[in-house]
């Protein structure tokens, strides 16, 4: 049997490319008039934290949403870094 080793939080590898202050986008799908619509949101990364979910650490990215001003927790797998000048 092999020993279990901690190799960091789930999502650490994806979050290495994300820096505080980066402009990011993510999509949410919703039903509008009996049709599926994709809504794209933009925001700024304000923190990267590890939370315990399901008994193991998971990397969570805290983002300030540009549209609502809310601070939301997102998975690094959901985020795309946007180009800025």
N, C-alpha and C. Protein backbone atom coordinates (compact mmCIF):
# COMPACT_ATOMS: atom_id res chain seq x y z
N UNK A 1 0.84 -1.19 0.00
CA UNK A 1 0.00 0.00 0.00
C UNK A 1 0.88 1.24 0.00
N UNK A 2 0.42 2.25 -0.69
CA UNK A 2 1.16 3.50 -0.71
C UNK A 2 0.64 4.43 0.39
N UNK A 3 1.52 5.29 0.83
CA UNK A 3 1.13 6.28 1.82
C UNK A 3 0.48 7.47 1.11
N UNK A 4 -0.53 8.02 1.74
CA UNK A 4 -1.16 9.21 1.19
C UNK A 4 -0.29 10.41 1.50
N UNK A 5 -0.06 11.23 0.50
CA UNK A 5 0.74 12.42 0.68
C UNK A 5 -0.07 13.65 0.31
N UNK A 6 0.16 14.71 1.05
CA UNK A 6 -0.49 15.97 0.72
C UNK A 6 0.32 16.65 -0.38
N UNK A 7 -0.32 16.90 -1.50
CA UNK A 7 0.35 17.56 -2.61
C UNK A 7 -0.25 18.94 -2.84
N UNK A 8 -0.81 19.52 -1.79
CA UNK A 8 -1.43 20.83 -1.91
C UNK A 8 -2.92 20.72 -2.13
N UNK A 9 -3.54 21.86 -2.26
CA UNK A 9 -4.99 21.92 -2.41
C UNK A 9 -5.40 21.63 -3.85
N UNK A 10 -6.58 21.07 -4.01
CA UNK A 10 -7.15 20.86 -5.34
C UNK A 10 -7.30 22.22 -6.01
N UNK A 11 -6.78 22.37 -7.20
CA UNK A 11 -6.85 23.64 -7.92
C UNK A 11 -5.60 24.49 -7.79
N UNK A 12 -4.61 24.04 -7.00
CA UNK A 12 -3.37 24.81 -6.86
C UNK A 12 -2.67 25.02 -8.19
N UNK A 13 -2.58 23.97 -9.00
CA UNK A 13 -1.87 24.08 -10.28
C UNK A 13 -2.55 25.12 -11.17
N UNK A 14 -3.88 25.11 -11.23
CA UNK A 14 -4.61 26.08 -12.06
C UNK A 14 -4.46 27.49 -11.52
N UNK A 15 -4.35 27.64 -10.21
CA UNK A 15 -4.32 28.98 -9.62
C UNK A 15 -2.94 29.62 -9.67
N UNK A 16 -1.87 28.86 -10.01
CA UNK A 16 -0.54 29.46 -10.07
C UNK A 16 -0.47 30.59 -11.09
N UNK A 17 -1.22 30.50 -12.18
CA UNK A 17 -1.21 31.53 -13.21
C UNK A 17 -2.09 32.72 -12.89
N UNK A 18 -2.82 32.67 -11.79
CA UNK A 18 -3.71 33.76 -11.40
C UNK A 18 -3.03 34.60 -10.32
N UNK A 19 -2.98 35.90 -10.55
CA UNK A 19 -2.33 36.82 -9.60
C UNK A 19 -3.37 37.78 -9.02
N UNK A 20 -3.11 38.26 -7.80
CA UNK A 20 -3.98 39.26 -7.20
C UNK A 20 -4.02 40.48 -8.10
N UNK A 21 -5.20 41.01 -8.34
CA UNK A 21 -5.36 42.17 -9.21
C UNK A 21 -5.64 41.84 -10.66
N UNK A 22 -5.55 40.55 -11.05
CA UNK A 22 -5.84 40.16 -12.43
C UNK A 22 -7.31 40.38 -12.75
N UNK A 23 -7.57 40.84 -13.98
CA UNK A 23 -8.93 40.93 -14.49
C UNK A 23 -9.29 39.56 -15.04
N UNK A 24 -10.39 38.99 -14.56
CA UNK A 24 -10.81 37.65 -14.98
C UNK A 24 -12.27 37.69 -15.43
N UNK A 25 -12.66 36.65 -16.16
CA UNK A 25 -14.05 36.49 -16.57
C UNK A 25 -14.47 35.06 -16.28
N UNK A 26 -15.79 34.87 -16.16
CA UNK A 26 -16.36 33.54 -15.99
C UNK A 26 -17.78 33.59 -16.55
N UNK A 27 -18.30 32.44 -16.87
CA UNK A 27 -19.63 32.34 -17.47
C UNK A 27 -20.60 31.63 -16.54
N UNK A 28 -21.84 32.03 -16.63
CA UNK A 28 -22.92 31.32 -15.95
C UNK A 28 -24.01 31.08 -16.99
N UNK A 29 -24.60 29.91 -16.92
CA UNK A 29 -25.65 29.54 -17.86
C UNK A 29 -27.00 29.67 -17.17
N UNK A 30 -27.99 30.20 -17.90
CA UNK A 30 -29.33 30.32 -17.34
C UNK A 30 -30.35 30.15 -18.45
N UNK A 31 -31.58 29.88 -18.03
CA UNK A 31 -32.67 29.72 -18.99
C UNK A 31 -33.42 31.04 -19.09
N UNK A 32 -33.50 31.56 -20.33
CA UNK A 32 -34.20 32.81 -20.61
C UNK A 32 -35.17 32.55 -21.75
N UNK A 33 -36.45 32.76 -21.52
CA UNK A 33 -37.48 32.53 -22.54
C UNK A 33 -37.37 31.12 -23.15
N UNK A 34 -37.27 30.12 -22.29
CA UNK A 34 -37.16 28.72 -22.70
C UNK A 34 -35.96 28.44 -23.59
N UNK A 35 -34.93 29.24 -23.47
CA UNK A 35 -33.70 29.04 -24.22
C UNK A 35 -32.52 29.18 -23.26
N UNK A 36 -31.43 28.54 -23.56
CA UNK A 36 -30.24 28.61 -22.71
C UNK A 36 -29.40 29.81 -23.15
N UNK A 37 -29.04 30.65 -22.17
CA UNK A 37 -28.24 31.83 -22.45
C UNK A 37 -26.98 31.80 -21.58
N UNK A 38 -25.88 32.21 -22.17
CA UNK A 38 -24.62 32.32 -21.44
C UNK A 38 -24.41 33.78 -21.05
N UNK A 39 -24.19 34.02 -19.76
CA UNK A 39 -23.92 35.36 -19.26
C UNK A 39 -22.47 35.39 -18.81
N UNK A 40 -21.70 36.35 -19.33
CA UNK A 40 -20.28 36.48 -18.99
C UNK A 40 -20.13 37.60 -17.97
N UNK A 41 -19.42 37.30 -16.90
CA UNK A 41 -19.15 38.27 -15.84
C UNK A 41 -17.66 38.57 -15.82
N UNK A 42 -17.32 39.77 -15.32
CA UNK A 42 -15.93 40.18 -15.18
C UNK A 42 -15.69 40.60 -13.74
N UNK A 43 -14.45 40.45 -13.30
CA UNK A 43 -14.11 40.85 -11.95
C UNK A 43 -12.61 40.88 -11.74
N UNK A 44 -12.21 41.25 -10.53
CA UNK A 44 -10.80 41.37 -10.16
C UNK A 44 -10.50 40.41 -9.01
N UNK A 45 -9.40 39.68 -9.14
CA UNK A 45 -8.99 38.75 -8.08
C UNK A 45 -8.51 39.55 -6.88
N UNK A 46 -9.08 39.25 -5.71
CA UNK A 46 -8.66 39.95 -4.49
C UNK A 46 -7.98 39.03 -3.48
N UNK A 47 -8.15 37.70 -3.63
CA UNK A 47 -7.51 36.78 -2.69
C UNK A 47 -7.57 35.36 -3.24
N UNK A 48 -6.63 34.54 -2.81
CA UNK A 48 -6.62 33.11 -3.11
C UNK A 48 -6.52 32.39 -1.77
N UNK A 49 -7.51 31.56 -1.46
CA UNK A 49 -7.54 30.88 -0.17
C UNK A 49 -7.76 29.39 -0.36
N UNK A 50 -7.40 28.61 0.64
CA UNK A 50 -7.68 27.17 0.64
C UNK A 50 -8.77 26.92 1.67
N UNK A 51 -9.85 26.27 1.24
CA UNK A 51 -10.95 25.91 2.14
C UNK A 51 -11.03 24.39 2.19
N UNK A 52 -11.49 23.88 3.32
CA UNK A 52 -11.69 22.43 3.46
C UNK A 52 -13.10 22.10 2.95
N UNK A 53 -13.14 21.29 1.90
CA UNK A 53 -14.41 20.84 1.31
C UNK A 53 -14.31 19.34 1.10
N UNK A 54 -15.26 18.61 1.63
CA UNK A 54 -15.24 17.16 1.48
C UNK A 54 -14.03 16.53 2.14
N UNK A 55 -13.51 17.17 3.19
CA UNK A 55 -12.40 16.60 3.93
C UNK A 55 -11.02 16.86 3.34
N UNK A 56 -10.94 17.70 2.31
CA UNK A 56 -9.63 17.99 1.73
C UNK A 56 -9.55 19.47 1.36
N UNK A 57 -8.33 20.01 1.29
CA UNK A 57 -8.20 21.43 0.92
C UNK A 57 -8.48 21.65 -0.57
N UNK A 58 -9.22 22.73 -0.83
CA UNK A 58 -9.58 23.11 -2.19
C UNK A 58 -9.24 24.59 -2.36
N UNK A 59 -8.55 24.94 -3.44
CA UNK A 59 -8.18 26.33 -3.70
C UNK A 59 -9.42 27.09 -4.20
N UNK A 60 -9.69 28.22 -3.59
CA UNK A 60 -10.83 29.07 -3.96
C UNK A 60 -10.29 30.46 -4.26
N UNK A 61 -10.79 31.06 -5.33
CA UNK A 61 -10.37 32.39 -5.73
C UNK A 61 -11.48 33.37 -5.37
N UNK A 62 -11.14 34.39 -4.59
CA UNK A 62 -12.09 35.42 -4.20
C UNK A 62 -12.02 36.54 -5.25
N UNK A 63 -13.18 36.86 -5.83
CA UNK A 63 -13.24 37.83 -6.93
C UNK A 63 -14.26 38.91 -6.60
N UNK A 64 -13.89 40.17 -6.86
CA UNK A 64 -14.83 41.29 -6.75
C UNK A 64 -15.50 41.43 -8.11
N UNK A 65 -16.79 41.13 -8.18
CA UNK A 65 -17.54 41.18 -9.43
C UNK A 65 -17.73 42.63 -9.87
N UNK A 66 -17.36 42.94 -11.11
CA UNK A 66 -17.48 44.31 -11.63
C UNK A 66 -18.93 44.73 -11.79
N UNK A 67 -19.82 43.80 -12.06
CA UNK A 67 -21.22 44.13 -12.32
C UNK A 67 -21.99 44.41 -11.04
N UNK A 68 -21.81 43.56 -10.02
CA UNK A 68 -22.60 43.67 -8.79
C UNK A 68 -21.84 44.27 -7.62
N UNK A 69 -20.50 44.21 -7.68
CA UNK A 69 -19.69 44.68 -6.56
C UNK A 69 -19.54 43.66 -5.45
N UNK A 70 -20.20 42.51 -5.59
CA UNK A 70 -20.13 41.45 -4.58
C UNK A 70 -18.78 40.75 -4.62
N UNK A 71 -18.35 40.26 -3.46
CA UNK A 71 -17.17 39.41 -3.36
C UNK A 71 -17.66 37.97 -3.42
N UNK A 72 -17.21 37.23 -4.44
CA UNK A 72 -17.69 35.86 -4.60
C UNK A 72 -16.52 34.89 -4.64
N UNK A 73 -16.80 33.65 -4.26
CA UNK A 73 -15.81 32.57 -4.27
C UNK A 73 -16.00 31.76 -5.54
N UNK A 74 -14.92 31.59 -6.30
CA UNK A 74 -14.99 30.83 -7.54
C UNK A 74 -13.86 29.82 -7.60
N UNK A 75 -14.09 28.75 -8.33
CA UNK A 75 -13.06 27.76 -8.58
C UNK A 75 -12.09 28.31 -9.62
N UNK A 76 -10.79 28.04 -9.49
CA UNK A 76 -9.85 28.50 -10.52
C UNK A 76 -10.15 27.88 -11.89
N UNK A 77 -10.87 26.76 -11.91
CA UNK A 77 -11.20 26.11 -13.18
C UNK A 77 -12.25 26.92 -13.97
N UNK A 78 -12.99 27.79 -13.29
CA UNK A 78 -14.02 28.60 -13.94
C UNK A 78 -13.47 29.86 -14.58
N UNK A 79 -12.29 30.30 -14.18
CA UNK A 79 -11.80 31.62 -14.53
C UNK A 79 -10.93 31.66 -15.77
N UNK A 80 -11.07 32.75 -16.52
CA UNK A 80 -10.19 33.04 -17.65
C UNK A 80 -9.57 34.41 -17.41
N UNK A 81 -8.25 34.51 -17.55
CA UNK A 81 -7.57 35.79 -17.38
C UNK A 81 -7.79 36.60 -18.64
N UNK A 82 -8.20 37.85 -18.48
CA UNK A 82 -8.45 38.75 -19.60
C UNK A 82 -7.23 39.62 -19.85
N UNK A 83 -7.02 39.96 -21.11
CA UNK A 83 -5.91 40.82 -21.49
C UNK A 83 -6.21 42.28 -21.08
N UNK A 84 -5.21 42.94 -20.57
CA UNK A 84 -5.33 44.38 -20.27
C UNK A 84 -4.14 45.10 -20.88
N UNK A 85 -4.28 46.36 -21.13
CA UNK A 85 -3.19 47.12 -21.75
C UNK A 85 -2.22 47.62 -20.73
